[in-house]
Amino acid sequence: QRLARAAEFRSDETAMHIRRMSLHCELLARAVGMEEGRCELIRIASPMHDIGKIGTPDRILMKKGKLTADEFGVMKQHAEIGFRILNGSSNEMLQMAAMIARTHHEKWDGSGYPHGLSGDEIPIEGRITAIADVFDAWTMERPYKKALPIDKAFEEMRQSAGNHLDPGLVELFIGIREEILFLKECWDDREAA
C-alpha cells in the first residue's frame, strides 16, 4: 500500500483512479471464480500497475496534449520499469504486482507492449487489470479529455473485446455492471468530498 501511494503524490486523480480500478479488479476476479485469497491479492497488487511511471519524465507524464511517437515510446517503458522495480521478491503479492506492471498494456490481439503477448499468453491478472484500468480511465475526466458517459464506456469495452481486451473477461465485466457502477459512485463521492 505504501509503494502504491508513491504514485498518488503525482495527482489526486491518480489516487482515486488506482483505488477504483483495484476494487474493479477484485470484483472481476470474483466473477471469474478465483478463490478469495487470490481476489484479495489482485486488489492489493493491482494499484502498483503504473509504478514504473516514476521513471517517466514529467514533461511527458504531465503533458496536456497528445504525445509524439518518441514521447509515447518513452511512456511505454513504464511497464518494464515497473516490473524491474517490483521483481525479485519472494513475496507473492510483489510477484503478482511485478507481473501486472509488465503485462497490463499487452493486448489480446498481440499489438500491445512491452512484449507483444496475445490471448492466454497474457497472465489473467494482467488481463483483468487492463479491463479495470481502461474502463476507469475512459470514465474519468482529465485535463486533456472529457470523461466518456457510462453507456458509451461499456460500448467501447464491447468494441475492444477481441482486439485490445480479453472478450470473455469483457462479458463478465459487463455482467457485473451494477456492482462496478456502485463502486464508481462510492469513490466518486469520496473524491468530491
Protein backbone atom coordinates (compact mmCIF):
# COMPACT_ATOMS: atom_id res chain seq x y z
CA GLN A 1 0.00 0.00 0.00
CA ARG A 2 2.83 2.38 0.82
CA LEU A 3 4.55 1.72 -2.50
CA ALA A 4 1.28 2.28 -4.40
CA ARG A 5 0.83 5.59 -2.56
CA ALA A 6 4.01 6.87 -4.23
CA ALA A 7 2.05 7.25 -7.46
CA GLU A 8 -0.68 9.18 -5.66
CA PHE A 9 1.67 12.08 -4.98
CA ARG A 10 1.54 12.91 -8.70
CA SER A 11 -2.18 13.85 -8.56
CA ASP A 12 -5.42 13.34 -6.65
CA GLU A 13 -6.94 11.92 -9.86
CA THR A 14 -4.35 9.13 -9.84
CA ALA A 15 -5.13 8.33 -6.21
CA MET A 16 -8.86 7.87 -6.88
CA HIS A 17 -8.17 6.00 -10.13
CA ILE A 18 -5.98 3.36 -8.52
CA ARG A 19 -8.45 2.82 -5.68
CA ARG A 20 -11.40 2.37 -8.04
CA MET A 21 -9.57 0.18 -10.52
CA SER A 22 -8.21 -2.09 -7.79
CA LEU A 23 -11.72 -2.67 -6.46
CA HIS A 24 -12.92 -3.32 -10.01
CA CYS A 25 -10.10 -5.86 -10.39
CA GLU A 26 -11.27 -7.65 -7.25
CA LEU A 27 -14.88 -7.75 -8.48
CA LEU A 28 -13.84 -9.12 -11.87
CA ALA A 29 -11.56 -11.72 -10.26
CA ARG A 30 -14.57 -12.89 -8.21
CA ALA A 31 -16.71 -13.04 -11.37
CA VAL A 32 -14.02 -15.23 -12.97
CA GLY A 33 -14.29 -17.58 -9.99
CA MET A 34 -10.87 -17.03 -8.46
CA GLU A 35 -10.56 -18.17 -4.87
CA GLU A 36 -10.98 -15.50 -2.20
CA GLY A 37 -7.28 -15.14 -1.33
CA ARG A 38 -6.37 -14.59 -5.00
CA CYS A 39 -9.12 -11.96 -5.36
CA GLU A 40 -7.72 -10.12 -2.34
CA LEU A 41 -4.20 -10.41 -3.72
CA ILE A 42 -5.15 -8.83 -7.05
CA ARG A 43 -6.90 -5.99 -5.21
CA ILE A 44 -3.73 -5.29 -3.23
CA ALA A 45 -1.25 -5.82 -6.11
CA SER A 46 -3.07 -4.02 -8.94
CA PRO A 47 -2.58 -0.45 -7.61
CA MET A 48 1.11 -0.83 -8.46
CA HIS A 49 0.37 -1.38 -12.17
CA ASP A 50 1.76 2.04 -13.14
CA ILE A 51 4.52 2.33 -10.51
CA GLY A 52 7.04 2.42 -13.38
CA LYS A 53 5.78 5.88 -14.29
CA ILE A 54 8.08 7.24 -11.59
CA GLY A 55 10.76 6.66 -14.27
CA THR A 56 8.87 8.74 -16.87
CA PRO A 57 9.97 12.38 -17.23
CA ASP A 58 7.41 14.94 -16.03
CA ARG A 59 7.47 16.73 -19.41
CA ILE A 60 5.93 13.57 -20.89
CA LEU A 61 3.86 12.35 -17.95
CA MET A 62 2.22 15.73 -17.31
CA LYS A 63 1.85 16.79 -20.96
CA LYS A 64 -1.63 18.18 -21.63
CA GLY A 65 -1.83 17.27 -25.31
CA LYS A 66 -1.23 14.19 -27.42
CA LEU A 67 2.19 12.56 -27.12
CA THR A 68 4.53 12.42 -30.12
CA ALA A 69 5.70 8.99 -31.31
CA ASP A 70 9.02 9.48 -29.49
CA GLU A 71 7.28 10.59 -26.29
CA PHE A 72 4.94 7.61 -26.44
CA GLY A 73 7.96 5.34 -26.86
CA VAL A 74 9.37 6.74 -23.61
CA MET A 75 5.97 6.41 -21.89
CA LYS A 76 5.71 2.75 -22.89
CA GLN A 77 8.87 1.99 -20.95
CA HIS A 78 6.92 2.34 -17.68
CA ALA A 79 5.67 -1.25 -17.94
CA GLU A 80 9.17 -2.68 -17.93
CA ILE A 81 10.42 -0.15 -15.36
CA GLY A 82 7.58 -1.15 -13.03
CA PHE A 83 8.45 -4.80 -13.47
CA ARG A 84 12.11 -4.13 -12.65
CA ILE A 85 11.15 -2.16 -9.52
CA LEU A 86 8.88 -4.92 -8.20
CA ASN A 87 10.58 -8.07 -9.48
CA GLY A 88 12.84 -10.32 -7.43
CA SER A 89 10.90 -10.63 -4.20
CA SER A 90 9.79 -13.94 -2.72
CA ASN A 91 6.60 -12.19 -1.56
CA GLU A 92 3.60 -13.47 -3.54
CA MET A 93 1.90 -10.06 -3.65
CA LEU A 94 5.01 -8.33 -5.03
CA GLN A 95 5.46 -11.12 -7.58
CA MET A 96 1.89 -10.55 -8.77
CA ALA A 97 2.39 -6.77 -8.80
CA ALA A 98 5.53 -7.16 -10.93
CA MET A 99 3.71 -9.36 -13.41
CA ILE A 100 0.73 -6.95 -13.56
CA ALA A 101 3.05 -3.96 -14.08
CA ARG A 102 4.69 -5.76 -17.01
CA THR A 103 1.54 -7.13 -18.68
CA HIS A 104 -1.33 -4.66 -18.18
CA HIS A 105 -0.61 -2.98 -21.55
CA GLU A 106 -0.43 -6.23 -23.53
CA LYS A 107 -3.41 -6.65 -25.87
CA TRP A 108 -5.49 -9.69 -26.66
CA ASP A 109 -4.56 -9.47 -30.37
CA GLY A 110 -0.80 -9.18 -29.67
CA SER A 111 -0.49 -5.49 -30.58
CA GLY A 112 0.31 -4.32 -27.04
CA TYR A 113 3.57 -3.76 -25.20
CA PRO A 114 6.20 -4.42 -23.94
CA HIS A 115 6.43 -7.97 -25.34
CA GLY A 116 3.56 -8.30 -27.83
CA LEU A 117 1.92 -11.14 -25.90
CA SER A 118 -1.50 -12.27 -27.09
CA GLY A 119 -4.52 -14.18 -25.80
CA ASP A 120 -3.85 -16.54 -22.93
CA GLU A 121 -0.10 -15.78 -23.09
CA ILE A 122 -1.04 -12.71 -21.07
CA PRO A 123 -1.50 -13.71 -17.42
CA ILE A 124 -5.12 -13.40 -16.34
CA GLU A 125 -4.23 -10.84 -13.65
CA GLY A 126 -2.75 -8.59 -16.35
CA ARG A 127 -5.87 -9.02 -18.50
CA ILE A 128 -8.14 -8.23 -15.54
CA THR A 129 -6.11 -5.13 -14.66
CA ALA A 130 -6.20 -3.94 -18.28
CA ILE A 131 -10.01 -4.01 -18.26
CA ALA A 132 -10.34 -2.23 -14.92
CA ASP A 133 -7.67 0.33 -15.86
CA VAL A 134 -9.16 1.12 -19.28
CA PHE A 135 -12.73 1.39 -18.03
CA ASP A 136 -11.84 3.76 -15.21
CA ALA A 137 -9.58 5.88 -17.46
CA TRP A 138 -12.36 6.19 -20.06
CA THR A 139 -14.90 7.32 -17.46
CA MET A 140 -12.57 9.79 -15.77
CA GLU A 141 -12.19 13.41 -16.83
CA ARG A 142 -8.61 14.54 -17.35
CA PRO A 143 -7.18 17.96 -18.28
CA TYR A 144 -6.70 16.72 -21.86
CA LYS A 145 -10.00 14.81 -22.32
CA LYS A 146 -13.63 14.59 -21.30
CA ALA A 147 -14.97 11.54 -19.46
CA LEU A 148 -16.97 9.12 -21.56
CA PRO A 149 -20.58 8.64 -20.47
CA ILE A 150 -21.01 5.27 -18.72
CA ASP A 151 -23.09 3.69 -21.50
CA LYS A 152 -20.53 4.78 -24.09
CA ALA A 153 -17.70 3.34 -21.96
CA PHE A 154 -19.42 -0.05 -21.78
CA GLU A 155 -20.00 0.10 -25.55
CA GLU A 156 -16.30 0.85 -26.06
CA MET A 157 -15.49 -2.18 -23.88
CA ARG A 158 -17.57 -4.34 -26.25
CA GLN A 159 -15.85 -2.79 -29.27
CA SER A 160 -12.42 -3.51 -27.74
CA ALA A 161 -13.22 -7.14 -26.94
CA GLY A 162 -11.12 -9.47 -29.07
CA ASN A 163 -8.54 -6.90 -30.09
CA HIS A 164 -7.45 -4.86 -27.07
CA LEU A 165 -9.26 -6.77 -24.32
CA ASP A 166 -9.99 -10.41 -23.46
CA PRO A 167 -13.51 -10.98 -24.86
CA GLY A 168 -14.55 -13.45 -22.15
CA LEU A 169 -13.47 -11.10 -19.37
CA VAL A 170 -15.23 -8.17 -21.05
CA GLU A 171 -18.51 -10.13 -20.98
CA LEU A 172 -18.00 -10.92 -17.30
CA PHE A 173 -17.21 -7.25 -16.59
CA ILE A 174 -20.36 -6.12 -18.39
CA GLY A 175 -22.27 -8.77 -16.41
CA ILE A 176 -21.25 -7.11 -13.12
CA ARG A 177 -22.07 -3.62 -14.39
CA GLU A 178 -24.27 -2.73 -11.39
CA GLU A 179 -21.53 -3.58 -8.88
CA ILE A 180 -18.96 -1.68 -10.95
CA LEU A 181 -21.18 1.40 -11.09
CA PHE A 182 -21.92 1.21 -7.36
CA LEU A 183 -18.20 1.23 -6.53
CA LYS A 184 -17.55 4.01 -9.02
CA GLU A 185 -20.29 6.12 -7.47
CA CYS A 186 -19.00 5.50 -3.93
CA TRP A 187 -15.45 6.54 -4.82
CA ASP A 188 -16.59 9.47 -6.96
CA ASP A 189 -18.49 10.75 -3.90
CA ARG A 190 -15.36 10.46 -1.78
CA GLU A 191 -13.36 12.27 -4.44
CA ALA A 192 -15.79 15.18 -4.37
CA ALA A 193 -15.78 15.38 -0.56
